[in-house]
Amino acid sequence: MADLVYPPVIVLIKSFWKYLGLNFEFQGQENVPLKGGAILAINHTSYLDFALAGTAALPAKRYVRFMAKKEIFDNKIAGPLMRGMHHINVDRSNGSASFVAALRSLKDGEIIGIFPEGTISTSFEIKGLKSGAVRLAIGASIPIIPTIVWGGQRVYTKGVKPNFKRNRIPVSVSFGEPIFYSRETDVEVAEAHLREVMIEMLHKVQEKYPDSHLGQRWAPVRLGGTAPAPLN
């Protein structure tokens, strides 16, 4: 498919990162396949996660097609951009249509970005996962790449005033090793396994993070932060 919109949007996003002065650390980029379909299963702590994960995947020369809620596509400004970048509209009242669209894209060799938690985790821990990522991976016979983004919540997250000052905030993106689930795999078992992998990856990224989490609103209670406690 022709990508006329994605390249200029990437230029704008990179300019935004430069303006913010973000200090990136990317890990496991070799796990992003150079060709063929795959799912990036990404934790969700900020409104910038899609752009941060997509930026980290660029060295593989892959454009990530994200599954995003219908309300974004309905926006007069964001909608045309989302469609132009061939992202996938998720209408929760008609989930089967978005599932079929994602399945088609995966079989066509695209990388699909999914936030399996479904919404931003205000505790900044990994919430319970929805089954869509696993079911798509099994249906398309493609791998899941567990992906962790950490630091974006310091810029723009749910329930907190955005911080668009030039603060040189460290941002980490880590791609895990590909996970393959066979058609014989129980979906609930696979969900639990994927969540455990993502939790382990998140903890490793947090351990290596250069700034202290103690007393910070953007850090989970587990690390001495003051974010809301997990609900599950």
C-alpha atoms as a PDB file:
ATOM      1  CA  MET A   1       0.000   0.000   0.000  1.00  0.00           C
ATOM      2  CA  ALA A   2       1.161   3.553  -0.688  1.00  0.00           C
ATOM      3  CA  ASP A   3       2.420   5.486   2.324  1.00  0.00           C
ATOM      4  CA  LEU A   4       2.115   9.155   1.466  1.00  0.00           C
ATOM      5  CA  VAL A   5       1.052  10.377   4.910  1.00  0.00           C
ATOM      6  CA  TYR A   6       3.263   8.346   7.264  1.00  0.00           C
ATOM      7  CA  PRO A   7       6.692   9.812   6.232  1.00  0.00           C
ATOM      8  CA  PRO A   8       5.817  13.497   6.825  1.00  0.00           C
ATOM      9  CA  VAL A   9       4.101  12.600  10.112  1.00  0.00           C
ATOM     10  CA  ILE A  10       7.302  10.850  11.222  1.00  0.00           C
ATOM     11  CA  VAL A  11       9.265  14.013  10.446  1.00  0.00           C
ATOM     12  CA  LEU A  12       6.869  16.019  12.622  1.00  0.00           C
ATOM     13  CA  ILE A  13       7.046  13.495  15.448  1.00  0.00           C
ATOM     14  CA  LYS A  14      10.851  13.440  15.399  1.00  0.00           C
ATOM     15  CA  SER A  15      10.849  17.240  15.500  1.00  0.00           C
ATOM     16  CA  PHE A  16       8.551  17.078  18.533  1.00  0.00           C
ATOM     17  CA  TRP A  17      10.911  14.663  20.285  1.00  0.00           C
ATOM     18  CA  LYS A  18      13.803  16.992  19.523  1.00  0.00           C
ATOM     19  CA  TYR A  19      11.861  19.946  20.915  1.00  0.00           C
ATOM     20  CA  LEU A  20      11.163  18.022  24.134  1.00  0.00           C
ATOM     21  CA  GLY A  21      14.792  16.902  24.316  1.00  0.00           C
ATOM     22  CA  LEU A  22      13.862  13.298  25.099  1.00  0.00           C
ATOM     23  CA  ASN A  23      16.762  10.965  25.849  1.00  0.00           C
ATOM     24  CA  PHE A  24      15.920   7.674  24.145  1.00  0.00           C
ATOM     25  CA  GLU A  25      17.195   4.226  25.008  1.00  0.00           C
ATOM     26  CA  PHE A  26      16.028   1.508  22.646  1.00  0.00           C
ATOM     27  CA  GLN A  27      16.572  -2.161  23.437  1.00  0.00           C
ATOM     28  CA  GLY A  28      15.902  -5.328  21.456  1.00  0.00           C
ATOM     29  CA  GLN A  29      15.363  -3.617  18.111  1.00  0.00           C
ATOM     30  CA  GLU A  30      16.758  -6.745  16.460  1.00  0.00           C
ATOM     31  CA  ASN A  31      13.536  -8.471  17.562  1.00  0.00           C
ATOM     32  CA  VAL A  32      11.436  -6.327  15.217  1.00  0.00           C
ATOM     33  CA  PRO A  33      11.111  -8.427  12.041  1.00  0.00           C
ATOM     34  CA  LEU A  34      12.421  -6.837   8.848  1.00  0.00           C
ATOM     35  CA  LYS A  35       9.556  -8.356   6.891  1.00  0.00           C
ATOM     36  CA  GLY A  36       6.354 -10.264   7.454  1.00  0.00           C
ATOM     37  CA  GLY A  37       3.436  -9.798   9.805  1.00  0.00           C
ATOM     38  CA  ALA A  38       3.853  -9.357  13.555  1.00  0.00           C
ATOM     39  CA  ILE A  39       2.092  -7.827  16.533  1.00  0.00           C
ATOM     40  CA  LEU A  40       3.696  -5.363  18.917  1.00  0.00           C
ATOM     41  CA  ALA A  41       1.917  -5.935  22.245  1.00  0.00           C
ATOM     42  CA  ILE A  42       2.648  -2.656  24.047  1.00  0.00           C
ATOM     43  CA  ASN A  43       2.066  -1.613  27.645  1.00  0.00           C
ATOM     44  CA  HIS A  44       0.042   1.581  27.978  1.00  0.00           C
ATOM     45  CA  THR A  45       1.116   4.347  30.370  1.00  0.00           C
ATOM     46  CA  SER A  46       0.778   7.499  28.256  1.00  0.00           C
ATOM     47  CA  TYR A  47      -0.919   9.133  25.299  1.00  0.00           C
ATOM     48  CA  LEU A  48       2.441   9.098  23.485  1.00  0.00           C
ATOM     49  CA  ASP A  49       3.070   5.343  23.621  1.00  0.00           C
ATOM     50  CA  PHE A  50       2.040   4.696  20.028  1.00  0.00           C
ATOM     51  CA  ALA A  51       4.417   7.328  18.665  1.00  0.00           C
ATOM     52  CA  LEU A  52       7.277   6.266  20.965  1.00  0.00           C
ATOM     53  CA  ALA A  53       6.965   2.581  20.040  1.00  0.00           C
ATOM     54  CA  GLY A  54       6.606   3.469  16.370  1.00  0.00           C
ATOM     55  CA  THR A  55       9.748   5.612  16.513  1.00  0.00           C
ATOM     56  CA  ALA A  56      11.733   2.766  18.084  1.00  0.00           C
ATOM     57  CA  ALA A  57      10.653   0.423  15.264  1.00  0.00           C
ATOM     58  CA  LEU A  58      11.875   2.733  12.480  1.00  0.00           C
ATOM     59  CA  PRO A  59      15.422   1.255  12.216  1.00  0.00           C
ATOM     60  CA  ALA A  60      13.763  -1.944  10.964  1.00  0.00           C
ATOM     61  CA  LYS A  61      12.250   0.212   8.201  1.00  0.00           C
ATOM     62  CA  ARG A  62       8.777  -0.827   9.298  1.00  0.00           C
ATOM     63  CA  TYR A  63       5.692   1.330   9.717  1.00  0.00           C
ATOM     64  CA  VAL A  64       3.533   0.146  12.595  1.00  0.00           C
ATOM     65  CA  ARG A  65      -0.216   0.158  11.963  1.00  0.00           C
ATOM     66  CA  PHE A  66      -1.926   0.816  15.284  1.00  0.00           C
ATOM     67  CA  MET A  67      -5.342  -0.302  16.408  1.00  0.00           C
ATOM     68  CA  ALA A  68      -7.023   2.798  17.838  1.00  0.00           C
ATOM     69  CA  LYS A  69     -10.470   3.632  19.137  1.00  0.00           C
ATOM     70  CA  LYS A  70     -13.133   4.997  16.805  1.00  0.00           C
ATOM     71  CA  GLU A  71     -13.250   8.374  18.572  1.00  0.00           C
ATOM     72  CA  ILE A  72      -9.776   9.220  17.230  1.00  0.00           C
ATOM     73  CA  PHE A  73     -10.848   8.408  13.677  1.00  0.00           C
ATOM     74  CA  ASP A  74     -13.935  10.600  14.144  1.00  0.00           C
ATOM     75  CA  ASN A  75     -11.756  13.623  14.962  1.00  0.00           C
ATOM     76  CA  LYS A  76     -11.644  16.128  12.082  1.00  0.00           C
ATOM     77  CA  ILE A  77      -7.865  16.506  12.304  1.00  0.00           C
ATOM     78  CA  ALA A  78      -6.647  13.158  13.613  1.00  0.00           C
ATOM     79  CA  GLY A  79      -9.088  11.067  11.571  1.00  0.00           C
ATOM     80  CA  PRO A  80      -7.662  11.789   8.097  1.00  0.00           C
ATOM     81  CA  LEU A  81      -4.130  11.286   9.414  1.00  0.00           C
ATOM     82  CA  MET A  82      -5.026   7.956  10.996  1.00  0.00           C
ATOM     83  CA  ARG A  83      -6.645   6.732   7.809  1.00  0.00           C
ATOM     84  CA  GLY A  84      -3.763   8.039   5.704  1.00  0.00           C
ATOM     85  CA  MET A  85      -1.301   6.049   7.827  1.00  0.00           C
ATOM     86  CA  HIS A  86      -3.515   2.958   7.455  1.00  0.00           C
ATOM     87  CA  HIS A  87      -4.119   2.537  11.159  1.00  0.00           C
ATOM     88  CA  ILE A  88      -7.060   0.336  12.148  1.00  0.00           C
ATOM     89  CA  ASN A  89     -10.327   1.737  13.443  1.00  0.00           C
ATOM     90  CA  VAL A  90     -11.616  -0.100  16.527  1.00  0.00           C
ATOM     91  CA  ASP A  91     -15.345   0.336  16.967  1.00  0.00           C
ATOM     92  CA  ARG A  92     -16.187  -1.395  20.237  1.00  0.00           C
ATOM     93  CA  SER A  93     -19.807  -1.761  19.130  1.00  0.00           C
ATOM     94  CA  ASN A  94     -18.619  -3.772  16.118  1.00  0.00           C
ATOM     95  CA  GLY A  95     -15.400  -5.441  17.205  1.00  0.00           C
ATOM     96  CA  SER A  96     -15.525  -8.162  14.562  1.00  0.00           C
ATOM     97  CA  ALA A  97     -14.910  -5.663  11.747  1.00  0.00           C
ATOM     98  CA  SER A  98     -11.714  -4.327  13.324  1.00  0.00           C
ATOM     99  CA  PHE A  99     -10.559  -7.883  14.065  1.00  0.00           C
ATOM    100  CA  VAL A 100     -11.012  -8.869  10.421  1.00  0.00           C
ATOM    101  CA  ALA A 101      -9.235  -5.705   9.235  1.00  0.00           C
ATOM    102  CA  ALA A 102      -6.277  -6.384  11.551  1.00  0.00           C
ATOM    103  CA  LEU A 103      -6.140 -10.031  10.516  1.00  0.00           C
ATOM    104  CA  ARG A 104      -6.049  -9.013   6.864  1.00  0.00           C
ATOM    105  CA  SER A 105      -3.222  -6.548   7.500  1.00  0.00           C
ATOM    106  CA  LEU A 106      -1.193  -9.157   9.377  1.00  0.00           C
ATOM    107  CA  LYS A 107      -1.614 -11.681   6.578  1.00  0.00           C
ATOM    108  CA  ASP A 108      -0.498  -8.962   4.157  1.00  0.00           C
ATOM    109  CA  GLY A 109       2.753  -8.708   6.108  1.00  0.00           C
ATOM    110  CA  GLU A 110       2.091  -5.602   8.202  1.00  0.00           C
ATOM    111  CA  ILE A 111       3.169  -4.941  11.796  1.00  0.00           C
ATOM    112  CA  ILE A 112       0.185  -4.146  14.002  1.00  0.00           C
ATOM    113  CA  GLY A 113       0.560  -2.240  17.268  1.00  0.00           C
ATOM    114  CA  ILE A 114      -1.880  -3.247  20.002  1.00  0.00           C
ATOM    115  CA  PHE A 115      -2.302  -2.095  23.594  1.00  0.00           C
ATOM    116  CA  PRO A 116      -3.663  -5.327  25.092  1.00  0.00           C
ATOM    117  CA  GLU A 117      -4.551  -3.631  28.386  1.00  0.00           C
ATOM    118  CA  GLY A 118      -7.207  -1.741  26.420  1.00  0.00           C
ATOM    119  CA  THR A 119      -6.650   1.608  28.119  1.00  0.00           C
ATOM    120  CA  ILE A 120      -3.972   3.594  29.942  1.00  0.00           C
ATOM    121  CA  SER A 121      -2.902   2.042  33.233  1.00  0.00           C
ATOM    122  CA  THR A 122      -3.019   4.910  35.723  1.00  0.00           C
ATOM    123  CA  SER A 123      -1.033   2.809  38.218  1.00  0.00           C
ATOM    124  CA  PHE A 124       1.678   2.338  35.543  1.00  0.00           C
ATOM    125  CA  GLU A 125       1.633  -1.403  36.219  1.00  0.00           C
ATOM    126  CA  ILE A 126       0.547  -4.036  33.683  1.00  0.00           C
ATOM    127  CA  LYS A 127      -3.213  -4.481  33.946  1.00  0.00           C
ATOM    128  CA  GLY A 128      -5.152  -7.550  32.915  1.00  0.00           C
ATOM    129  CA  LEU A 129      -4.913  -8.162  29.177  1.00  0.00           C
ATOM    130  CA  LYS A 130      -7.703  -8.472  26.648  1.00  0.00           C
ATOM    131  CA  SER A 131      -7.576 -11.415  24.286  1.00  0.00           C
ATOM    132  CA  GLY A 132      -7.388  -9.600  20.942  1.00  0.00           C
ATOM    133  CA  ALA A 133      -3.601  -9.673  20.491  1.00  0.00           C
ATOM    134  CA  VAL A 134      -3.354 -13.391  21.232  1.00  0.00           C
ATOM    135  CA  ARG A 135      -6.328 -14.310  19.072  1.00  0.00           C
ATOM    136  CA  LEU A 136      -4.948 -12.306  16.142  1.00  0.00           C
ATOM    137  CA  ALA A 137      -1.497 -13.859  16.498  1.00  0.00           C
ATOM    138  CA  ILE A 138      -2.963 -17.349  16.517  1.00  0.00           C
ATOM    139  CA  GLY A 139      -5.347 -16.591  13.651  1.00  0.00           C
ATOM    140  CA  ALA A 140      -2.641 -15.126  11.412  1.00  0.00           C
ATOM    141  CA  SER A 141       0.115 -17.537  12.534  1.00  0.00           C
ATOM    142  CA  ILE A 142       2.473 -14.663  13.279  1.00  0.00           C
ATOM    143  CA  PRO A 143       4.608 -13.737  16.319  1.00  0.00           C
ATOM    144  CA  ILE A 144       3.862 -11.344  19.149  1.00  0.00           C
ATOM    145  CA  ILE A 145       6.678  -8.971  20.073  1.00  0.00           C
ATOM    146  CA  PRO A 146       6.130  -7.907  23.721  1.00  0.00           C
ATOM    147  CA  THR A 147       7.002  -4.215  23.921  1.00  0.00           C
ATOM    148  CA  ILE A 148       7.597  -1.976  26.918  1.00  0.00           C
ATOM    149  CA  VAL A 149       7.564   1.824  26.840  1.00  0.00           C
ATOM    150  CA  TRP A 150       8.641   3.703  29.956  1.00  0.00           C
ATOM    151  CA  GLY A 151       9.001   7.446  30.546  1.00  0.00           C
ATOM    152  CA  GLY A 152       6.312   8.772  28.240  1.00  0.00           C
ATOM    153  CA  GLN A 153       3.956   9.113  31.202  1.00  0.00           C
ATOM    154  CA  ARG A 154       6.204  11.904  32.470  1.00  0.00           C
ATOM    155  CA  VAL A 155       5.199  13.974  29.450  1.00  0.00           C
ATOM    156  CA  TYR A 156       1.510  13.232  28.887  1.00  0.00           C
ATOM    157  CA  THR A 157      -0.694  10.735  30.678  1.00  0.00           C
ATOM    158  CA  LYS A 158      -4.215  10.329  31.917  1.00  0.00           C
ATOM    159  CA  GLY A 159      -5.354  12.550  34.775  1.00  0.00           C
ATOM    160  CA  VAL A 160      -2.145  14.614  34.917  1.00  0.00           C
ATOM    161  CA  LYS A 161      -1.397  18.001  33.368  1.00  0.00           C
ATOM    162  CA  PRO A 162       0.854  17.573  30.293  1.00  0.00           C
ATOM    163  CA  ASN A 163       4.502  18.527  30.661  1.00  0.00           C
ATOM    164  CA  PHE A 164       5.710  19.809  27.304  1.00  0.00           C
ATOM    165  CA  LYS A 165       8.741  21.600  28.687  1.00  0.00           C
ATOM    166  CA  ARG A 166      12.222  20.707  27.468  1.00  0.00           C
ATOM    167  CA  ASN A 167      13.253  18.534  30.412  1.00  0.00           C
ATOM    168  CA  ARG A 168      15.450  15.881  28.734  1.00  0.00           C
ATOM    169  CA  ILE A 169      13.283  13.106  30.120  1.00  0.00           C
ATOM    170  CA  PRO A 170      14.683   9.590  29.646  1.00  0.00           C
ATOM    171  CA  VAL A 171      12.387   7.349  27.600  1.00  0.00           C
ATOM    172  CA  SER A 172      12.999   3.617  27.238  1.00  0.00           C
ATOM    173  CA  VAL A 173      11.504   1.298  24.637  1.00  0.00           C
ATOM    174  CA  SER A 174      12.272  -2.413  24.848  1.00  0.00           C
ATOM    175  CA  PHE A 175      11.273  -5.085  22.303  1.00  0.00           C
ATOM    176  CA  GLY A 176      11.205  -8.633  23.656  1.00  0.00           C
ATOM    177  CA  GLU A 177      11.898 -11.843  21.801  1.00  0.00           C
ATOM    178  CA  PRO A 178       9.122 -12.998  19.444  1.00  0.00           C
ATOM    179  CA  ILE A 179       6.513 -15.279  20.988  1.00  0.00           C
ATOM    180  CA  PHE A 180       4.703 -17.836  18.831  1.00  0.00           C
ATOM    181  CA  TYR A 181       1.420 -19.374  19.970  1.00  0.00           C
ATOM    182  CA  SER A 182       0.129 -22.404  18.090  1.00  0.00           C
ATOM    183  CA  ARG A 183      -3.504 -22.968  17.152  1.00  0.00           C
ATOM    184  CA  GLU A 184      -3.653 -25.561  19.926  1.00  0.00           C
ATOM    185  CA  THR A 185      -2.752 -22.964  22.564  1.00  0.00           C
ATOM    186  CA  ASP A 186      -5.481 -22.056  25.036  1.00  0.00           C
ATOM    187  CA  VAL A 187      -6.159 -18.322  24.657  1.00  0.00           C
ATOM    188  CA  GLU A 188      -6.436 -17.693  28.408  1.00  0.00           C
ATOM    189  CA  VAL A 189      -3.167 -19.521  29.043  1.00  0.00           C
ATOM    190  CA  ALA A 190      -1.485 -17.480  26.316  1.00  0.00           C
ATOM    191  CA  GLU A 191      -2.874 -14.220  27.767  1.00  0.00           C
ATOM    192  CA  ALA A 192      -1.503 -15.072  31.200  1.00  0.00           C
ATOM    193  CA  HIS A 193       1.873 -15.983  29.715  1.00  0.00           C
ATOM    194  CA  LEU A 194       2.086 -12.759  27.675  1.00  0.00           C
ATOM    195  CA  ARG A 195       1.207 -10.688  30.741  1.00  0.00           C
ATOM    196  CA  GLU A 196       3.928 -12.366  32.802  1.00  0.00           C
ATOM    197  CA  VAL A 197       6.481 -11.695  30.063  1.00  0.00           C
ATOM    198  CA  MET A 198       5.449  -8.039  29.865  1.00  0.00           C
ATOM    199  CA  ILE A 199       5.600  -7.651  33.658  1.00  0.00           C
ATOM    200  CA  GLU A 200       9.110  -9.126  33.755  1.00  0.00           C
ATOM    201  CA  MET A 201      10.228  -6.854  30.920  1.00  0.00           C
ATOM    202  CA  LEU A 202       8.699  -3.788  32.590  1.00  0.00           C
ATOM    203  CA  HIS A 203      10.557  -4.502  35.827  1.00  0.00           C
ATOM    204  CA  LYS A 204      13.866  -4.868  33.972  1.00  0.00           C
ATOM    205  CA  VAL A 205      13.338  -1.582  32.126  1.00  0.00           C
ATOM    206  CA  GLN A 206      12.486   0.154  35.405  1.00  0.00           C
ATOM    207  CA  GLU A 207      15.601  -1.275  37.089  1.00  0.00           C
ATOM    208  CA  LYS A 208      17.803   0.245  34.382  1.00  0.00           C
ATOM    209  CA  TYR A 209      15.948   3.565  34.254  1.00  0.00           C
ATOM    210  CA  PRO A 210      18.406   6.384  35.072  1.00  0.00           C
ATOM    211  CA  ASP A 211      16.079   8.539  37.214  1.00  0.00           C
ATOM    212  CA  SER A 212      14.820   7.671  40.685  1.00  0.00           C
ATOM    213  CA  HIS A 213      11.190   6.632  41.036  1.00  0.00           C
ATOM    214  CA  LEU A 214      10.932   7.570  44.719  1.00  0.00           C
ATOM    215  CA  GLY A 215       8.159  10.038  45.469  1.00  0.00           C
ATOM    216  CA  GLN A 216       7.332  10.594  41.806  1.00  0.00           C
ATOM    217  CA  ARG A 217       3.757  10.917  40.523  1.00  0.00           C
ATOM    218  CA  TRP A 218       4.777   9.109  37.334  1.00  0.00           C
ATOM    219  CA  ALA A 219       6.060   6.062  39.232  1.00  0.00           C
ATOM    220  CA  PRO A 220       4.093   3.104  40.657  1.00  0.00           C
ATOM    221  CA  VAL A 221       3.582   2.532  44.358  1.00  0.00           C
ATOM    222  CA  ARG A 222       5.718  -0.608  44.101  1.00  0.00           C
ATOM    223  CA  LEU A 223       8.775   1.579  43.364  1.00  0.00           C
ATOM    224  CA  GLY A 224       7.984   4.225  45.961  1.00  0.00           C
ATOM    225  CA  GLY A 225       6.052   6.442  43.594  1.00  0.00           C
ATOM    226  CA  THR A 226       2.765   8.206  44.270  1.00  0.00           C
ATOM    227  CA  ALA A 227       0.692   6.991  41.303  1.00  0.00           C
ATOM    228  CA  PRO A 228      -2.708   5.477  42.131  1.00  0.00           C
ATOM    229  CA  ALA A 229      -2.542   1.909  43.414  1.00  0.00           C
ATOM    230  CA  PRO A 230      -3.431  -0.852  40.925  1.00  0.00           C
ATOM    231  CA  LEU A 231      -7.078  -1.819  40.748  1.00  0.00           C
ATOM    232  CA  ASN A 232      -6.285  -5.419  39.803  1.00  0.00           C
END
